[in-house]
Structures are given as C-alpha cells and as structure tokens.
Amino acid sequence: MSKELIFITGATGFIGSATAVEALKHGYRLRICLRKPSPQLETLLSAYSEQIESVIVPDITDETAFEGKLEGVDYVFHLASPLLHGTNKDSYFTPAVKGTTALLKAAANVSSIKKVVVTSSIAALIPLTGIPDGGVIKGMLIFLRTKVFINRSVVEDNDWDFSVDENGSFEDPENPAGTAMRLYVASKLLANNATWDFWRAAKPHYALVTLHPAFVYGHNLVQTSADGVYTGSNVNLWTLIMQDKPAPLTGVHIQDVAEAQIKALHPNIADGSKYLLAGPKATAADIASIIQKHYPEAGALINDQSQGMLMPTDTTKAETELGIQWRSYEQMVREIMDQQLAFV
C-alpha cells in the first residue's frame, strides 16, 4: 500500500469526503486543507487517524495561502469551489478562479509534487451559450507528450468557445431564478480556463489532470439530516422523485468520481488530460420504474410522464484510460432514497 502524501482541499464536501475516504483506503496519507477545524470530518475519518494531518487555510484565494503547506507532498487533489448559492458574482468567481490558481502556483514551487488533479465539472466543457446543435460533450487531451518532446498546443476534440466575459450580465430576464445557476456555470468555465491558461504559460514541473463530473448522485457521507439533501446535487433526483420537479438526469455515482481521483494518479495518465465522468443514461420514466418497484409506499409523485434533461456525452476516454466501469443509475437512485427515508 502507498504511503505517498496527498494534499486535498474541499474534503468537507460531498465529493471531497468520498475522495478522502477512497484515498485513505488505498493507503495514501492525507494533508487536509480546512478553512476551520471540522469535528464532523474528523469523526468520519477517525479509523484512519494515523494517515491524516490537517492545515488551516482561512482564505484559499490569498496568493500566499499555501506557503509552507505543501512541503513533502506528492500529489494534490483540488476540490474546493463555490456551491450554488446566491447571485453575488464575486462570491462565485473569486474563490473559483483565485482559489485554484493560488494552489497551482504554490504547487509549482514544490519539487516533490508529481501531479495535481483538479475536480471541475461537466459545466466547464459546455459553452455558456449551451451545447451547439449536434454537439457531444467529451473529455479531451490538451497536449501530446512523447519521450522526445512536449508540445503544449491545444488539440481539443470540441472546437467550442468556452470564454466568459466576467463583466457581462448573467441575468436572464425570462428566468430570474436562473441567475445563480448561470453564475455557477460561469465560475466553472472561468476556473477551468484559468487552470489551463496557467499550465500553458507557467509550464509547471508537475502533471495536471482535470476531472469533469456530471451531476453527482449517491450516498452523501457528510449529510446529517433530511434537509441536508438541499445543499448538494442529490436534491435534483430527490425533488424529481418526490415532487415531480424536472431535473438534470446526466449523472454519475459519487463512488465513481472518488475512484477516478485515485486512478488519475497513475503514471500512465498523461499530463494535460481532461476526463468527463458521466454514468449510464436513464430517463425519468426509467427512474419512475425503479421507484415503483422498490419504494411503492414512499409517496413519490414521479411517473411515466415526468420530465428530465439528458445531455449528449461521450465518456470513452474515461472508460478506456481510467478503466472506469460505471455504477448503475439504479444504485444512485436507491442510495439517495435509502438515505433520505432513513432520516424520517
């Protein structure tokens, strides 16, 4: 088992907590970056206390925030990023972009770091204007490496415009409630653009990989109450099932995302790789059938006519290079239902 040291941000969150557990199970040591002490996370990871150390970084957007925090680190997992909340532009863009670039810059000054894995989002692979007609969202390879040379030219599969005007308006007059989502999506695009702009300009010694999960569903290790579902992506399926509220159906199991982080550390995973993480497709009618079969008395309103939104995706790259075998949509649904009903 490995004794290498991973520096991780965002470990108190849905994806971060699952990633931390997965890394510890694989024998890695963790240096957990926290804004403040977290008794909940300490309890969750208590079985691995000998593999864990923590550092307090109150503001990850500070250019000097990570000075002295990365010594001896072998790998970096960056998962900390703003969740969907209000409509203050700066509360999205500043932490998403500066929190990422500050860490990338600090890591470039630590020779022991071999690879940085940044968890982004499927949103960073979609133009702010939406998926072009006939388009398919894919993972990408940003550059080609051989034993002889490194060519840092862009060879993206999709020649789409991922630019964002930070000073533009993100309000939708026809859907004022959608402003927060547009800001969230824009923050993912901006952070991902800044990540690769830094990589191209600075040419850091470490390898850089980004992961782009679709909507992440499944058991939440840090949820402590039924209302907790409303703070994460599981709310989409929960409200579709219980309230018949249209929801995004392009999903991926939380454990598949956690395992992808570990798989990305393998030396065979090339510097400059992007991976789209999206599991098997399912329609709202498929989900309704799962609920009717396993939870007929749950009071669910979902039915064969319920509406869900699916995006065209191609995850061949993640399947081939990371060796991911996606967990079923039924497992995602049942884990959410079991966790929520257990709180009743």
Foldseek 3Di string as FASTA:
>chain_A
DDAAEEEEEPCLFQLNVLLVVVCVVVPYAYAYEACDDDPLSCVLCVVSVVRYHYDHQNALLPLCRCVPPCERHAEYEYEDADDQDDQDLCNHQRCLASSLVSVVVNVLVHVNYAEYEYEFALLLQAALVGAPVPHAGFWFFQWDDDPVDTDRHGDGPDPDDLDDDSPDQQADVVCRVCSSVSSNSNNRNNNVVSNSVCCVVVVGNHFYEYEHEYFEFFAGSNDDALVSCVRGSNVQVVCCFAVLDEHAQFHAYSNLSSLLVVLCPDPVNGRRIYAYGTADGDFLQRLQVLCCVPPVPPNTPRHNPRHYDYGHYDRVVCCVRSVDDTDDPSNRSVRSVVVNVVND
